[in-house]
Amino acid sequence: MKFSLEVRRGPENARAFASALGEAISAAGGEVVDSRQGAPDVILAVGGDGTMLAATQQALAHDVPILGFNLGTMGFLAEAETEELDKVVERLMSGDYELAERMTVAATVDGVTATGVNDVVVEKVDSQRLIHLDVAVDGAHFLTYRADGLVVATPTGSTGYSFSARGPLVDPVLNAIILAPVAAHSLFDRTLVLPPTTRLSITVRRDRPVKVTVDKIDMGHLATGKTVEIQRGARPARFIKLHKRPFTRILTEKFGLS
């Protein structure tokens, strides 16, 4: 069985754990490969949610499942803790796990498409000025937002930027598109939860710089009159599940709720 590792850059503990993980995989009869040079069977992420997002890009590219070891602060996307290393490797090698499909979201700008598991963010570049974004839903004009930006999230991404923008927390077993305005200067600033088949068109309506990112991947700036098209991704991301934990339990653990 071939594994590719995506390791958080910088921290010594991440590199040390990745080294121990590689040794455990080799001892169990597996192989660590470079995903840029060969096709792995599984992508393993070592770090926080940012590392998981980067690893998910590799998993989508190779159409393989992903599992994360949490070395971050919250670690909503990670399934395993570092102290579980040997047990996790054993279960992976024996196939003792389940796969959970997570809906993805895709953004297209000038014919170039990027896909993510968390969100598409359309936001201002100039911190001192609002932007005007015209939103069409399934081809019909909906609303023009005066805001700092808009977050279009999946249920998986509902615990990220969308949550910071007062969006709802949505169980990732569901499929939906979440439209959350960021600091909207209008009477209507509510988050919308829309069907997964929804197609959104967001057009810049004022001569102020706007940038687009997909899971923190920069898609460049949009000029006045330019549009980003957003819809459900062509295929889901597949997350390896080792524990049967309901979403509500994950929330209580991550947020320290009682």
Protein backbone atom coordinates (compact mmCIF):
# COMPACT_ATOMS: atom_id res chain seq x y z
CA MET A 1 0.00 0.00 0.00
CA LYS A 2 1.39 3.39 -1.02
CA PHE A 3 1.05 6.53 1.09
CA SER A 4 1.88 10.13 0.31
CA LEU A 5 2.56 12.56 3.17
CA GLU A 6 1.58 16.22 3.27
CA VAL A 7 3.45 17.75 6.21
CA ARG A 8 2.96 21.12 7.85
CA ARG A 9 5.89 23.34 7.02
CA GLY A 10 8.02 24.83 9.74
CA PRO A 11 7.35 23.15 13.09
CA GLU A 12 9.98 20.63 14.16
CA ASN A 13 7.34 18.44 15.81
CA ALA A 14 5.55 18.01 12.48
CA ARG A 15 8.73 16.87 10.73
CA ALA A 16 9.61 14.55 13.60
CA PHE A 17 6.16 12.99 13.59
CA ALA A 18 6.20 12.59 9.81
CA SER A 19 9.52 10.75 10.09
CA ALA A 20 8.07 8.41 12.73
CA LEU A 21 4.99 7.89 10.57
CA GLY A 22 7.12 6.96 7.57
CA GLU A 23 9.06 4.45 9.65
CA ALA A 24 5.83 2.90 10.98
CA ILE A 25 4.46 2.56 7.45
CA SER A 26 7.65 0.87 6.21
CA ALA A 27 7.69 -1.47 9.20
CA ALA A 28 4.11 -2.48 8.43
CA GLY A 29 4.97 -3.31 4.81
CA GLY A 30 3.73 -0.08 3.26
CA GLU A 31 5.57 2.46 1.11
CA VAL A 32 5.85 6.25 1.26
CA VAL A 33 5.81 7.86 -2.20
CA ASP A 34 5.91 11.39 -3.60
CA SER A 35 2.44 12.14 -5.00
CA ARG A 36 4.03 14.34 -7.67
CA GLN A 37 5.96 11.38 -9.06
CA GLY A 38 3.62 8.45 -8.51
CA ALA A 39 0.06 7.56 -7.62
CA PRO A 40 -0.53 6.84 -3.90
CA ASP A 41 -3.37 4.81 -2.44
CA VAL A 42 -3.89 7.20 0.47
CA ILE A 43 -2.87 10.78 1.29
CA LEU A 44 -1.85 11.39 4.91
CA ALA A 45 -1.78 14.94 6.28
CA VAL A 46 0.35 15.91 9.27
CA GLY A 47 -0.61 19.31 10.68
CA GLY A 48 -3.73 21.41 11.13
CA ASP A 49 -6.70 22.22 8.95
CA GLY A 50 -4.54 24.26 6.57
CA THR A 51 -2.38 21.21 5.91
CA MET A 52 -5.51 19.12 5.41
CA LEU A 53 -6.77 21.55 2.77
CA ALA A 54 -3.47 21.31 0.89
CA ALA A 55 -3.53 17.52 1.17
CA THR A 56 -7.10 17.41 -0.09
CA GLN A 57 -5.94 19.04 -3.32
CA GLN A 58 -3.58 16.10 -3.83
CA ALA A 59 -6.29 13.61 -2.88
CA LEU A 60 -8.71 15.11 -5.41
CA ALA A 61 -6.05 15.15 -8.11
CA HIS A 62 -5.31 11.43 -7.62
CA ASP A 63 -8.89 10.48 -6.68
CA VAL A 64 -7.75 8.76 -3.47
CA PRO A 65 -8.90 9.04 0.17
CA ILE A 66 -7.29 11.23 2.80
CA LEU A 67 -6.65 11.04 6.53
CA GLY A 68 -5.21 13.71 8.79
CA PHE A 69 -3.18 13.60 11.99
CA ASN A 70 -3.97 16.66 14.06
CA LEU A 71 -1.02 18.86 15.03
CA GLY A 72 -3.03 22.07 14.82
CA THR A 73 -5.23 24.07 17.18
CA MET A 74 -8.75 22.99 16.23
CA GLY A 75 -8.24 20.23 13.70
CA PHE A 76 -11.83 19.90 12.50
CA LEU A 77 -10.73 18.03 9.39
CA ALA A 78 -8.27 15.65 11.05
CA GLU A 79 -9.39 12.18 12.10
CA ALA A 80 -6.46 10.97 14.20
CA GLU A 81 -4.28 12.22 17.04
CA THR A 82 -0.52 11.74 17.10
CA GLU A 83 -0.59 9.24 19.96
CA GLU A 84 -2.64 6.90 17.74
CA LEU A 85 0.16 6.53 15.17
CA ASP A 86 0.84 2.79 15.36
CA LYS A 87 -2.83 1.82 15.68
CA VAL A 88 -3.81 4.02 12.75
CA VAL A 89 -1.13 2.57 10.48
CA GLU A 90 -2.24 -0.94 11.43
CA ARG A 91 -5.86 -0.17 10.59
CA LEU A 92 -4.95 1.49 7.31
CA MET A 93 -2.85 -1.46 6.20
CA SER A 94 -5.61 -3.93 7.09
CA GLY A 95 -8.37 -1.84 5.49
CA ASP A 96 -10.16 -1.44 8.84
CA TYR A 97 -11.81 1.91 8.15
CA GLU A 98 -14.76 3.56 6.45
CA LEU A 99 -14.90 6.26 3.80
CA ALA A 100 -17.00 9.39 4.17
CA GLU A 101 -17.68 11.44 1.07
CA ARG A 102 -17.53 15.21 1.48
CA MET A 103 -19.11 17.53 -1.03
CA THR A 104 -16.70 19.87 -2.84
CA VAL A 105 -17.19 23.33 -4.33
CA ALA A 106 -15.76 24.61 -7.62
CA ALA A 107 -15.09 28.16 -8.81
CA THR A 108 -14.46 29.19 -12.41
CA VAL A 109 -12.81 32.46 -13.43
CA ASP A 110 -12.04 33.18 -17.10
CA GLY A 111 -12.36 29.50 -17.99
CA VAL A 112 -10.03 28.29 -15.21
CA THR A 113 -11.62 26.10 -12.52
CA ALA A 114 -10.37 25.32 -9.02
CA THR A 115 -12.03 22.87 -6.62
CA GLY A 116 -11.95 22.82 -2.83
CA VAL A 117 -13.55 21.00 0.07
CA ASN A 118 -14.04 24.07 2.30
CA ASP A 119 -15.02 27.28 0.55
CA VAL A 120 -14.74 29.89 -2.15
CA VAL A 121 -14.04 33.38 -0.79
CA VAL A 122 -14.69 36.53 -2.80
CA GLU A 123 -13.37 39.47 -0.82
CA LYS A 124 -11.97 42.98 -0.93
CA VAL A 125 -8.29 43.75 -1.38
CA ASP A 126 -8.38 47.29 -0.02
CA SER A 127 -9.10 47.03 3.71
CA GLN A 128 -10.61 50.55 3.79
CA ARG A 129 -13.24 50.16 1.09
CA LEU A 130 -16.38 48.07 0.67
CA ILE A 131 -16.98 46.08 -2.50
CA HIS A 132 -20.23 45.67 -4.41
CA LEU A 133 -21.00 42.09 -5.49
CA ASP A 134 -23.97 41.20 -7.67
CA VAL A 135 -25.20 37.67 -6.93
CA ALA A 136 -27.29 35.60 -9.33
CA VAL A 137 -28.78 32.26 -8.22
CA ASP A 138 -29.40 29.73 -10.99
CA GLY A 139 -29.27 32.52 -13.55
CA ALA A 140 -31.70 34.88 -11.79
CA HIS A 141 -30.57 38.08 -10.07
CA PHE A 142 -30.84 37.78 -6.29
CA LEU A 143 -29.10 40.68 -4.54
CA THR A 144 -26.23 43.13 -4.75
CA TYR A 145 -24.18 42.99 -1.55
CA ARG A 146 -22.21 45.92 -0.16
CA ALA A 147 -19.80 44.06 2.06
CA ASP A 148 -16.23 43.06 2.83
CA GLY A 149 -16.87 39.89 0.85
CA LEU A 150 -18.84 36.69 0.41
CA VAL A 151 -18.04 33.14 1.53
CA VAL A 152 -19.51 30.23 -0.41
CA ALA A 153 -18.94 27.17 1.73
CA THR A 154 -19.66 23.47 1.81
CA PRO A 155 -20.93 21.84 5.02
CA THR A 156 -17.33 20.79 5.69
CA GLY A 157 -16.29 24.44 5.38
CA SER A 158 -19.08 25.62 7.68
CA THR A 159 -16.67 25.39 10.64
CA GLY A 160 -14.16 27.72 8.95
CA TYR A 161 -14.44 31.22 7.50
CA SER A 162 -18.20 30.84 7.07
CA PHE A 163 -18.58 30.30 10.81
CA SER A 164 -16.48 33.39 11.51
CA ALA A 165 -18.91 35.30 9.29
CA ARG A 166 -21.82 34.13 11.50
CA GLY A 167 -22.81 31.27 9.25
CA PRO A 168 -24.43 28.08 10.58
CA LEU A 169 -22.59 24.92 11.55
CA VAL A 170 -23.72 22.21 9.13
CA ASP A 171 -23.12 18.49 9.56
CA PRO A 172 -20.79 17.43 6.70
CA VAL A 173 -22.91 14.36 5.95
CA LEU A 174 -25.33 16.83 4.34
CA ASN A 175 -24.94 18.36 0.88
CA ALA A 176 -25.61 22.08 0.64
CA ILE A 177 -24.14 25.37 -0.53
CA ILE A 178 -23.81 28.03 2.18
CA LEU A 179 -23.71 31.70 1.14
CA ALA A 180 -22.42 33.89 3.97
CA PRO A 181 -21.82 37.66 3.62
CA VAL A 182 -18.83 39.12 5.44
CA ALA A 183 -19.61 42.38 7.28
CA ALA A 184 -22.50 43.28 4.98
CA HIS A 185 -23.57 46.94 5.02
CA SER A 186 -27.20 46.32 4.17
CA LEU A 187 -30.44 45.42 5.89
CA PHE A 188 -30.16 41.85 4.64
CA ASP A 189 -27.06 40.17 6.04
CA ARG A 190 -28.35 36.66 6.68
CA THR A 191 -26.59 33.51 5.63
CA LEU A 192 -28.41 31.34 3.08
CA VAL A 193 -28.33 27.55 2.95
CA LEU A 194 -29.09 26.47 -0.61
CA PRO A 195 -29.50 23.13 -2.43
CA PRO A 196 -26.28 21.47 -3.62
CA THR A 197 -27.42 21.88 -7.24
CA THR A 198 -27.38 25.68 -6.92
CA ARG A 199 -25.24 27.65 -9.39
CA LEU A 200 -24.03 31.02 -8.18
CA SER A 201 -22.66 33.86 -10.31
CA ILE A 202 -20.88 36.65 -8.42
CA THR A 203 -20.06 39.76 -10.46
CA VAL A 204 -18.02 42.79 -9.40
CA ARG A 205 -20.16 45.92 -9.73
CA ARG A 206 -17.77 48.67 -8.66
CA ASP A 207 -14.27 49.66 -9.59
CA ARG A 208 -12.59 48.28 -6.50
CA PRO A 209 -10.15 45.34 -6.38
CA VAL A 210 -11.63 41.96 -5.52
CA LYS A 211 -9.77 38.68 -5.03
CA VAL A 212 -10.98 35.08 -5.26
CA THR A 213 -9.58 32.12 -3.31
CA VAL A 214 -10.58 28.47 -3.20
CA ASP A 215 -9.44 26.72 -0.01
CA LYS A 216 -6.85 29.53 0.30
CA ILE A 217 -5.63 28.95 -3.27
CA ASP A 218 -5.35 32.32 -5.03
CA MET A 219 -7.34 32.55 -8.26
CA GLY A 220 -6.35 36.15 -8.86
CA HIS A 221 -8.26 39.41 -8.93
CA LEU A 222 -11.59 40.25 -10.56
CA ALA A 223 -12.00 43.58 -12.34
CA THR A 224 -15.28 45.47 -12.62
CA GLY A 225 -17.80 43.46 -14.63
CA LYS A 226 -15.92 40.19 -14.19
CA THR A 227 -17.71 37.14 -12.80
CA VAL A 228 -16.82 34.04 -10.80
CA GLU A 229 -19.11 31.05 -11.34
CA ILE A 230 -19.53 28.75 -8.35
CA GLN A 231 -21.16 25.34 -8.12
CA ARG A 232 -20.80 21.91 -6.61
CA GLY A 233 -17.53 20.19 -7.48
CA ALA A 234 -17.49 17.44 -10.07
CA ARG A 235 -16.68 14.77 -7.47
CA PRO A 236 -16.51 14.55 -3.67
CA ALA A 237 -13.46 14.31 -1.47
CA ARG A 238 -13.17 11.01 0.40
CA PHE A 239 -12.16 11.15 4.05
CA ILE A 240 -11.04 8.05 5.95
CA LYS A 241 -13.08 7.55 9.12
CA LEU A 242 -11.71 5.54 12.03
CA HIS A 243 -14.12 6.69 14.74
CA LYS A 244 -17.91 6.75 14.85
CA ARG A 245 -18.36 10.24 16.30
CA PRO A 246 -21.47 12.30 15.60
CA PHE A 247 -20.98 15.89 14.47
CA THR A 248 -22.34 17.21 17.75
CA ARG A 249 -19.66 15.33 19.69
CA ILE A 250 -16.93 16.73 17.47
CA LEU A 251 -18.24 20.23 18.17
CA THR A 252 -18.24 19.73 21.92
CA GLU A 253 -14.67 18.37 21.81
CA LYS A 254 -13.23 21.05 19.53
CA PHE A 255 -14.96 24.00 21.19
CA GLY A 256 -14.60 22.65 24.74
CA LEU A 257 -18.38 22.69 25.30
CA SER A 258 -20.06 20.97 28.21
